[in-house]
Amino acid sequence: MAGLLVAIRPYVLLLPRLCSGRPWSTGIKAAFSAKFGKSLSKLYQRRHDRFYFDDGTVVFLVDNVLFKVHRYFLEHKSEVFQTMFMLRPPEGQEVEGESAGHPIILEDTRAIDFERFLTVFYPRDVRYHDLSTFDEWVSVVEFASKWLFTDIRGLAITRATAVGTLAEQIVMARRYDLPELLREARRSICERPQPLTLEEGRQLGVDEVIILSESRHLKRTTGFGVRKYTPEEVDRLNEAFRALEG
């Protein structure tokens, strides 16, 4: 840190020349970032409190958080990571992931998603999963879907479905292309006696709510039980849902 500050002082004297022809604030930012961007970004990096193991074999950087874990789990459960670990750098360059100074950067990934994903491999108690809520398991679905952890994705979908509301299941099924779950959740929400709640409406969106409401109206209960859809009604609803799914 001291070395960085010492280096900055003389560099400030060059700013007017480097910023010539550009707005002053824009020029300062560009010049400063070009010279010290990487050094400053490392100042904000921190080791994860739980998932930075001394005997870990690979280091990742996610959202400025460093994770040091064991590559065995990752390369045996994902073809993406297996391929990633097989790649060799040009001669004379350090292998990415071998140190905190040269980690593998997981782009477009949240640290919280990676953290929750890792709890599947590193539970606090081997008898139970650390995660319990819908949002936590959807984090795992997100990471596993992005990086092709097929088995873990299936586990996370099952767990999320078990604890999620019907509206949450529909949202998850739409996002992660789960047609069977989508049909089942929609059917269940149409057949239940309770109306859609305000919170469910916010989660589902206007288009979904309108189609579900129409479906519930057509399947209204009578004195003899739940009325079956006519073939024409089935076709109309299926067409509406297909349009909703794009």
C-alpha atoms as a PDB file:
ATOM      1  CA  MET A   1       0.000   0.000   0.000  1.00  0.00           C
ATOM      2  CA  ALA A   2       2.816   2.392   0.904  1.00  0.00           C
ATOM      3  CA  GLY A   3       4.541   1.657  -2.387  1.00  0.00           C
ATOM      4  CA  LEU A   4       1.367   2.420  -4.272  1.00  0.00           C
ATOM      5  CA  LEU A   5       0.938   5.772  -2.528  1.00  0.00           C
ATOM      6  CA  VAL A   6       4.559   6.701  -3.210  1.00  0.00           C
ATOM      7  CA  ALA A   7       4.051   5.853  -6.857  1.00  0.00           C
ATOM      8  CA  ILE A   8       0.903   7.947  -7.093  1.00  0.00           C
ATOM      9  CA  ARG A   9       2.495  11.227  -5.954  1.00  0.00           C
ATOM     10  CA  PRO A  10       4.802  11.836  -8.929  1.00  0.00           C
ATOM     11  CA  TYR A  11       2.176  10.498 -11.286  1.00  0.00           C
ATOM     12  CA  VAL A  12      -0.258  13.225 -10.242  1.00  0.00           C
ATOM     13  CA  LEU A  13       2.142  15.766 -11.765  1.00  0.00           C
ATOM     14  CA  LEU A  14       1.579  14.194 -15.177  1.00  0.00           C
ATOM     15  CA  LEU A  15      -2.213  14.411 -15.074  1.00  0.00           C
ATOM     16  CA  PRO A  16      -2.569  17.770 -16.902  1.00  0.00           C
ATOM     17  CA  ARG A  17      -0.546  16.421 -19.815  1.00  0.00           C
ATOM     18  CA  LEU A  18      -2.365  13.062 -19.887  1.00  0.00           C
ATOM     19  CA  CYS A  19      -5.737  14.738 -19.652  1.00  0.00           C
ATOM     20  CA  SER A  20      -5.172  17.253 -22.443  1.00  0.00           C
ATOM     21  CA  GLY A  21      -7.995  17.363 -24.952  1.00  0.00           C
ATOM     22  CA  ARG A  22     -10.465  15.659 -22.615  1.00  0.00           C
ATOM     23  CA  PRO A  23     -12.794  16.893 -19.856  1.00  0.00           C
ATOM     24  CA  TRP A  24     -10.715  17.229 -16.690  1.00  0.00           C
ATOM     25  CA  SER A  25     -12.635  14.688 -14.561  1.00  0.00           C
ATOM     26  CA  THR A  26     -12.863  12.174 -17.410  1.00  0.00           C
ATOM     27  CA  GLY A  27      -9.173  12.510 -18.165  1.00  0.00           C
ATOM     28  CA  ILE A  28      -8.165  12.024 -14.534  1.00  0.00           C
ATOM     29  CA  LYS A  29     -10.289   8.913 -14.234  1.00  0.00           C
ATOM     30  CA  ALA A  30      -8.964   7.397 -17.456  1.00  0.00           C
ATOM     31  CA  ALA A  31      -5.331   8.186 -16.687  1.00  0.00           C
ATOM     32  CA  PHE A  32      -5.556   7.004 -13.108  1.00  0.00           C
ATOM     33  CA  SER A  33      -7.342   3.761 -14.052  1.00  0.00           C
ATOM     34  CA  ALA A  34      -4.851   3.014 -16.812  1.00  0.00           C
ATOM     35  CA  LYS A  35      -1.927   3.299 -14.426  1.00  0.00           C
ATOM     36  CA  PHE A  36      -3.309   1.894 -11.182  1.00  0.00           C
ATOM     37  CA  GLY A  37      -6.574   0.110 -12.037  1.00  0.00           C
ATOM     38  CA  LYS A  38      -5.366  -3.417 -11.326  1.00  0.00           C
ATOM     39  CA  SER A  39      -3.439  -2.422  -8.212  1.00  0.00           C
ATOM     40  CA  LEU A  40      -6.415  -0.599  -6.738  1.00  0.00           C
ATOM     41  CA  SER A  41      -8.871  -3.388  -7.544  1.00  0.00           C
ATOM     42  CA  LYS A  42      -6.702  -5.826  -5.609  1.00  0.00           C
ATOM     43  CA  LEU A  43      -6.985  -3.583  -2.556  1.00  0.00           C
ATOM     44  CA  TYR A  44     -10.707  -4.355  -2.454  1.00  0.00           C
ATOM     45  CA  GLN A  45     -10.328  -8.110  -2.844  1.00  0.00           C
ATOM     46  CA  ARG A  46     -10.916 -10.193   0.250  1.00  0.00           C
ATOM     47  CA  ARG A  47     -10.713 -13.855   1.095  1.00  0.00           C
ATOM     48  CA  HIS A  48     -13.993 -15.579   1.740  1.00  0.00           C
ATOM     49  CA  ASP A  49     -14.425 -16.214   5.451  1.00  0.00           C
ATOM     50  CA  ARG A  50     -15.391 -19.857   4.966  1.00  0.00           C
ATOM     51  CA  PHE A  51     -14.389 -21.030   1.515  1.00  0.00           C
ATOM     52  CA  TYR A  52     -10.708 -20.160   1.399  1.00  0.00           C
ATOM     53  CA  PHE A  53      -8.904 -23.352   2.381  1.00  0.00           C
ATOM     54  CA  ASP A  54      -5.167 -23.476   3.003  1.00  0.00           C
ATOM     55  CA  ASP A  55      -5.019 -26.846   1.236  1.00  0.00           C
ATOM     56  CA  GLY A  56      -7.268 -25.739  -1.634  1.00  0.00           C
ATOM     57  CA  THR A  57      -5.976 -26.401  -5.128  1.00  0.00           C
ATOM     58  CA  VAL A  58      -7.587 -23.623  -7.178  1.00  0.00           C
ATOM     59  CA  VAL A  59      -8.340 -19.945  -6.532  1.00  0.00           C
ATOM     60  CA  PHE A  60     -11.350 -18.105  -7.978  1.00  0.00           C
ATOM     61  CA  LEU A  61     -12.227 -14.433  -7.943  1.00  0.00           C
ATOM     62  CA  VAL A  62     -15.950 -13.681  -7.869  1.00  0.00           C
ATOM     63  CA  ASP A  63     -17.240 -10.171  -7.154  1.00  0.00           C
ATOM     64  CA  ASN A  64     -13.869  -9.210  -5.636  1.00  0.00           C
ATOM     65  CA  VAL A  65     -14.094 -12.180  -3.256  1.00  0.00           C
ATOM     66  CA  LEU A  66     -11.364 -14.835  -3.389  1.00  0.00           C
ATOM     67  CA  PHE A  67     -12.312 -18.493  -2.991  1.00  0.00           C
ATOM     68  CA  LYS A  68      -9.709 -21.236  -2.625  1.00  0.00           C
ATOM     69  CA  VAL A  69     -11.279 -24.674  -2.952  1.00  0.00           C
ATOM     70  CA  HIS A  70     -10.534 -28.167  -4.217  1.00  0.00           C
ATOM     71  CA  ARG A  71     -10.817 -28.560  -7.967  1.00  0.00           C
ATOM     72  CA  TYR A  72     -11.741 -32.258  -7.730  1.00  0.00           C
ATOM     73  CA  PHE A  73     -15.420 -31.539  -7.046  1.00  0.00           C
ATOM     74  CA  LEU A  74     -15.670 -28.985  -9.824  1.00  0.00           C
ATOM     75  CA  GLU A  75     -13.938 -30.856 -12.627  1.00  0.00           C
ATOM     76  CA  HIS A  76     -15.794 -34.104 -11.880  1.00  0.00           C
ATOM     77  CA  LYS A  77     -19.238 -32.488 -11.910  1.00  0.00           C
ATOM     78  CA  SER A  78     -18.945 -29.999 -14.788  1.00  0.00           C
ATOM     79  CA  GLU A  79     -17.598 -30.402 -18.306  1.00  0.00           C
ATOM     80  CA  VAL A  80     -17.058 -26.644 -18.399  1.00  0.00           C
ATOM     81  CA  PHE A  81     -14.709 -26.699 -15.425  1.00  0.00           C
ATOM     82  CA  GLN A  82     -13.082 -29.901 -16.615  1.00  0.00           C
ATOM     83  CA  THR A  83     -12.208 -28.191 -19.889  1.00  0.00           C
ATOM     84  CA  MET A  84     -11.160 -25.028 -18.073  1.00  0.00           C
ATOM     85  CA  PHE A  85      -8.634 -26.914 -15.941  1.00  0.00           C
ATOM     86  CA  MET A  86      -7.211 -28.684 -18.999  1.00  0.00           C
ATOM     87  CA  LEU A  87      -6.244 -25.436 -20.712  1.00  0.00           C
ATOM     88  CA  ARG A  88      -2.562 -24.568 -20.449  1.00  0.00           C
ATOM     89  CA  PRO A  89      -1.230 -21.000 -20.646  1.00  0.00           C
ATOM     90  CA  PRO A  90       1.543 -19.933 -23.033  1.00  0.00           C
ATOM     91  CA  GLU A  91       5.008 -20.965 -21.940  1.00  0.00           C
ATOM     92  CA  GLY A  92       6.382 -18.807 -19.176  1.00  0.00           C
ATOM     93  CA  GLN A  93       2.988 -17.605 -17.923  1.00  0.00           C
ATOM     94  CA  GLU A  94       1.428 -18.604 -14.616  1.00  0.00           C
ATOM     95  CA  VAL A  95      -1.517 -20.991 -14.695  1.00  0.00           C
ATOM     96  CA  GLU A  96      -4.739 -19.199 -13.803  1.00  0.00           C
ATOM     97  CA  GLY A  97      -6.061 -20.283 -10.440  1.00  0.00           C
ATOM     98  CA  GLU A  98      -2.739 -21.363  -8.950  1.00  0.00           C
ATOM     99  CA  SER A  99      -2.457 -18.332  -6.671  1.00  0.00           C
ATOM    100  CA  ALA A 100      -4.461 -15.455  -5.234  1.00  0.00           C
ATOM    101  CA  GLY A 101      -2.400 -13.137  -7.403  1.00  0.00           C
ATOM    102  CA  HIS A 102      -3.584 -14.887 -10.566  1.00  0.00           C
ATOM    103  CA  PRO A 103      -7.046 -16.336  -9.854  1.00  0.00           C
ATOM    104  CA  ILE A 104      -9.621 -17.693 -12.274  1.00  0.00           C
ATOM    105  CA  ILE A 105     -12.191 -14.928 -12.676  1.00  0.00           C
ATOM    106  CA  LEU A 106     -15.795 -16.111 -12.944  1.00  0.00           C
ATOM    107  CA  GLU A 107     -17.446 -13.379 -14.988  1.00  0.00           C
ATOM    108  CA  ASP A 108     -21.126 -12.464 -14.632  1.00  0.00           C
ATOM    109  CA  THR A 109     -21.395 -14.522 -11.456  1.00  0.00           C
ATOM    110  CA  ARG A 110     -22.412 -13.363  -7.992  1.00  0.00           C
ATOM    111  CA  ALA A 111     -20.282 -14.298  -5.008  1.00  0.00           C
ATOM    112  CA  ILE A 112     -23.398 -15.248  -3.034  1.00  0.00           C
ATOM    113  CA  ASP A 113     -24.399 -17.756  -5.741  1.00  0.00           C
ATOM    114  CA  PHE A 114     -20.955 -19.368  -5.721  1.00  0.00           C
ATOM    115  CA  GLU A 115     -20.945 -19.429  -1.915  1.00  0.00           C
ATOM    116  CA  ARG A 116     -24.306 -21.178  -1.735  1.00  0.00           C
ATOM    117  CA  PHE A 117     -23.285 -23.576  -4.479  1.00  0.00           C
ATOM    118  CA  LEU A 118     -20.163 -24.567  -2.541  1.00  0.00           C
ATOM    119  CA  THR A 119     -22.219 -25.483   0.529  1.00  0.00           C
ATOM    120  CA  VAL A 120     -23.414 -28.526  -1.420  1.00  0.00           C
ATOM    121  CA  PHE A 121     -19.832 -29.840  -1.466  1.00  0.00           C
ATOM    122  CA  TYR A 122     -18.819 -28.425   1.912  1.00  0.00           C
ATOM    123  CA  PRO A 123     -21.817 -28.703   4.292  1.00  0.00           C
ATOM    124  CA  ARG A 124     -21.384 -27.716   7.906  1.00  0.00           C
ATOM    125  CA  ASP A 125     -23.026 -31.006   8.870  1.00  0.00           C
ATOM    126  CA  VAL A 126     -22.808 -33.909   6.418  1.00  0.00           C
ATOM    127  CA  ARG A 127     -26.263 -35.098   7.496  1.00  0.00           C
ATOM    128  CA  TYR A 128     -28.016 -31.956   6.274  1.00  0.00           C
ATOM    129  CA  HIS A 129     -27.873 -29.267   3.628  1.00  0.00           C
ATOM    130  CA  ASP A 130     -26.936 -25.783   4.806  1.00  0.00           C
ATOM    131  CA  LEU A 131     -29.583 -24.195   2.592  1.00  0.00           C
ATOM    132  CA  SER A 132     -33.258 -24.135   3.486  1.00  0.00           C
ATOM    133  CA  THR A 133     -35.047 -21.303   1.650  1.00  0.00           C
ATOM    134  CA  PHE A 134     -36.274 -21.011  -1.908  1.00  0.00           C
ATOM    135  CA  ASP A 135     -33.987 -18.072  -2.682  1.00  0.00           C
ATOM    136  CA  GLU A 136     -30.950 -19.981  -1.425  1.00  0.00           C
ATOM    137  CA  TRP A 137     -31.650 -23.018  -3.580  1.00  0.00           C
ATOM    138  CA  VAL A 138     -32.423 -20.868  -6.626  1.00  0.00           C
ATOM    139  CA  SER A 139     -28.935 -19.389  -6.202  1.00  0.00           C
ATOM    140  CA  VAL A 140     -27.585 -22.908  -6.664  1.00  0.00           C
ATOM    141  CA  VAL A 141     -29.847 -23.474  -9.671  1.00  0.00           C
ATOM    142  CA  GLU A 142     -28.491 -20.251 -11.188  1.00  0.00           C
ATOM    143  CA  PHE A 143     -24.834 -21.171 -10.751  1.00  0.00           C
ATOM    144  CA  ALA A 144     -25.284 -24.825 -11.720  1.00  0.00           C
ATOM    145  CA  SER A 145     -27.224 -23.884 -14.862  1.00  0.00           C
ATOM    146  CA  LYS A 146     -24.627 -21.354 -15.970  1.00  0.00           C
ATOM    147  CA  TRP A 147     -21.639 -23.665 -15.465  1.00  0.00           C
ATOM    148  CA  LEU A 148     -23.339 -26.956 -16.449  1.00  0.00           C
ATOM    149  CA  PHE A 149     -23.369 -28.829 -13.153  1.00  0.00           C
ATOM    150  CA  THR A 150     -26.199 -31.111 -14.264  1.00  0.00           C
ATOM    151  CA  ASP A 151     -26.491 -33.260 -11.120  1.00  0.00           C
ATOM    152  CA  ILE A 152     -26.323 -30.311  -8.751  1.00  0.00           C
ATOM    153  CA  ARG A 153     -28.845 -28.418 -10.864  1.00  0.00           C
ATOM    154  CA  GLY A 154     -31.303 -31.295 -10.551  1.00  0.00           C
ATOM    155  CA  LEU A 155     -30.820 -31.458  -6.788  1.00  0.00           C
ATOM    156  CA  ALA A 156     -31.292 -27.708  -6.391  1.00  0.00           C
ATOM    157  CA  ILE A 157     -34.448 -27.676  -8.535  1.00  0.00           C
ATOM    158  CA  THR A 158     -35.942 -30.474  -6.429  1.00  0.00           C
ATOM    159  CA  ARG A 159     -35.124 -28.671  -3.178  1.00  0.00           C
ATOM    160  CA  ALA A 160     -36.343 -25.290  -4.426  1.00  0.00           C
ATOM    161  CA  THR A 161     -39.604 -26.833  -5.633  1.00  0.00           C
ATOM    162  CA  ALA A 162     -40.157 -28.468  -2.246  1.00  0.00           C
ATOM    163  CA  VAL A 163     -39.936 -25.182  -0.322  1.00  0.00           C
ATOM    164  CA  GLY A 164     -41.164 -22.677  -2.920  1.00  0.00           C
ATOM    165  CA  THR A 165     -44.683 -21.373  -3.371  1.00  0.00           C
ATOM    166  CA  LEU A 166     -46.549 -22.175  -6.570  1.00  0.00           C
ATOM    167  CA  ALA A 167     -45.853 -18.674  -7.866  1.00  0.00           C
ATOM    168  CA  GLU A 168     -42.147 -19.052  -7.119  1.00  0.00           C
ATOM    169  CA  GLN A 169     -42.138 -22.419  -8.883  1.00  0.00           C
ATOM    170  CA  ILE A 170     -43.702 -20.861 -11.974  1.00  0.00           C
ATOM    171  CA  VAL A 171     -41.138 -18.054 -12.041  1.00  0.00           C
ATOM    172  CA  MET A 172     -38.271 -20.532 -11.634  1.00  0.00           C
ATOM    173  CA  ALA A 173     -39.672 -22.868 -14.272  1.00  0.00           C
ATOM    174  CA  ARG A 174     -39.984 -20.042 -16.793  1.00  0.00           C
ATOM    175  CA  ARG A 175     -36.463 -18.768 -16.135  1.00  0.00           C
ATOM    176  CA  TYR A 176     -34.702 -22.125 -16.272  1.00  0.00           C
ATOM    177  CA  ASP A 177     -36.802 -23.828 -18.957  1.00  0.00           C
ATOM    178  CA  LEU A 178     -38.549 -26.464 -16.843  1.00  0.00           C
ATOM    179  CA  PRO A 179     -41.690 -27.257 -18.861  1.00  0.00           C
ATOM    180  CA  GLU A 180     -42.968 -30.131 -16.705  1.00  0.00           C
ATOM    181  CA  LEU A 181     -42.680 -28.127 -13.494  1.00  0.00           C
ATOM    182  CA  LEU A 182     -44.278 -25.144 -15.227  1.00  0.00           C
ATOM    183  CA  ARG A 183     -47.321 -27.173 -16.301  1.00  0.00           C
ATOM    184  CA  GLU A 184     -47.707 -28.789 -12.885  1.00  0.00           C
ATOM    185  CA  ALA A 185     -47.398 -25.525 -10.944  1.00  0.00           C
ATOM    186  CA  ARG A 186     -49.861 -23.769 -13.236  1.00  0.00           C
ATOM    187  CA  ARG A 187     -52.329 -26.647 -12.935  1.00  0.00           C
ATOM    188  CA  SER A 188     -52.052 -26.614  -9.135  1.00  0.00           C
ATOM    189  CA  ILE A 189     -52.562 -22.868  -8.856  1.00  0.00           C
ATOM    190  CA  CYS A 190     -55.617 -23.085 -11.130  1.00  0.00           C
ATOM    191  CA  GLU A 191     -57.217 -25.931  -9.176  1.00  0.00           C
ATOM    192  CA  ARG A 192     -56.693 -24.629  -5.651  1.00  0.00           C
ATOM    193  CA  PRO A 193     -59.658 -22.923  -3.989  1.00  0.00           C
ATOM    194  CA  GLN A 194     -57.711 -19.839  -2.835  1.00  0.00           C
ATOM    195  CA  PRO A 195     -57.502 -16.889  -5.248  1.00  0.00           C
ATOM    196  CA  LEU A 196     -54.212 -15.409  -6.401  1.00  0.00           C
ATOM    197  CA  THR A 197     -52.701 -13.084  -3.824  1.00  0.00           C
ATOM    198  CA  LEU A 198     -51.293  -9.622  -4.414  1.00  0.00           C
ATOM    199  CA  GLU A 199     -47.764 -10.876  -3.756  1.00  0.00           C
ATOM    200  CA  GLU A 200     -48.218 -13.720  -6.254  1.00  0.00           C
ATOM    201  CA  GLY A 201     -49.445 -11.216  -8.812  1.00  0.00           C
ATOM    202  CA  ARG A 202     -46.311  -9.126  -8.362  1.00  0.00           C
ATOM    203  CA  GLN A 203     -44.113 -12.176  -8.765  1.00  0.00           C
ATOM    204  CA  LEU A 204     -45.892 -13.576 -11.814  1.00  0.00           C
ATOM    205  CA  GLY A 205     -46.496 -10.420 -13.818  1.00  0.00           C
ATOM    206  CA  VAL A 206     -49.663  -9.100 -15.431  1.00  0.00           C
ATOM    207  CA  ASP A 207     -49.765 -11.415 -18.475  1.00  0.00           C
ATOM    208  CA  GLU A 208     -49.384 -14.601 -16.434  1.00  0.00           C
ATOM    209  CA  VAL A 209     -51.981 -13.463 -13.903  1.00  0.00           C
ATOM    210  CA  ILE A 210     -54.557 -12.721 -16.618  1.00  0.00           C
ATOM    211  CA  ILE A 211     -54.156 -16.136 -18.237  1.00  0.00           C
ATOM    212  CA  LEU A 212     -54.192 -17.962 -14.901  1.00  0.00           C
ATOM    213  CA  SER A 213     -57.289 -16.032 -13.843  1.00  0.00           C
ATOM    214  CA  GLU A 214     -59.073 -17.020 -17.051  1.00  0.00           C
ATOM    215  CA  SER A 215     -58.052 -20.623 -16.525  1.00  0.00           C
ATOM    216  CA  ARG A 216     -59.317 -20.555 -12.942  1.00  0.00           C
ATOM    217  CA  HIS A 217     -62.609 -19.038 -14.105  1.00  0.00           C
ATOM    218  CA  LEU A 218     -63.130 -21.753 -16.714  1.00  0.00           C
ATOM    219  CA  LYS A 219     -62.360 -24.430 -14.154  1.00  0.00           C
ATOM    220  CA  ARG A 220     -64.672 -22.986 -11.532  1.00  0.00           C
ATOM    221  CA  THR A 221     -66.195 -25.452  -9.116  1.00  0.00           C
ATOM    222  CA  THR A 222     -69.832 -26.464  -9.302  1.00  0.00           C
ATOM    223  CA  GLY A 223     -72.098 -28.352  -6.977  1.00  0.00           C
ATOM    224  CA  PHE A 224     -70.866 -31.551  -8.599  1.00  0.00           C
ATOM    225  CA  GLY A 225     -67.157 -30.813  -8.277  1.00  0.00           C
ATOM    226  CA  VAL A 226     -64.562 -29.295 -10.579  1.00  0.00           C
ATOM    227  CA  ARG A 227     -65.753 -28.825 -14.145  1.00  0.00           C
ATOM    228  CA  LYS A 228     -63.498 -30.215 -16.861  1.00  0.00           C
ATOM    229  CA  TYR A 229     -62.186 -28.005 -19.648  1.00  0.00           C
ATOM    230  CA  THR A 230     -63.720 -28.421 -23.063  1.00  0.00           C
ATOM    231  CA  PRO A 231     -61.284 -29.215 -25.925  1.00  0.00           C
ATOM    232  CA  GLU A 232     -61.770 -25.679 -27.253  1.00  0.00           C
ATOM    233  CA  GLU A 233     -60.890 -24.187 -23.863  1.00  0.00           C
ATOM    234  CA  VAL A 234     -57.783 -26.345 -23.608  1.00  0.00           C
ATOM    235  CA  ASP A 235     -56.622 -25.171 -27.038  1.00  0.00           C
ATOM    236  CA  ARG A 236     -57.262 -21.544 -26.148  1.00  0.00           C
ATOM    237  CA  LEU A 237     -55.364 -21.720 -22.872  1.00  0.00           C
ATOM    238  CA  ASN A 238     -52.464 -23.630 -24.393  1.00  0.00           C
ATOM    239  CA  GLU A 239     -52.168 -21.021 -27.130  1.00  0.00           C
ATOM    240  CA  ALA A 240     -52.190 -18.231 -24.547  1.00  0.00           C
ATOM    241  CA  PHE A 241     -49.470 -19.885 -22.461  1.00  0.00           C
ATOM    242  CA  ARG A 242     -47.341 -20.538 -25.555  1.00  0.00           C
ATOM    243  CA  ALA A 243     -47.582 -16.864 -26.465  1.00  0.00           C
ATOM    244  CA  LEU A 244     -46.588 -15.952 -22.917  1.00  0.00           C
ATOM    245  CA  GLU A 245     -43.491 -18.142 -23.117  1.00  0.00           C
ATOM    246  CA  GLY A 246     -42.436 -16.535 -26.382  1.00  0.00           C
END
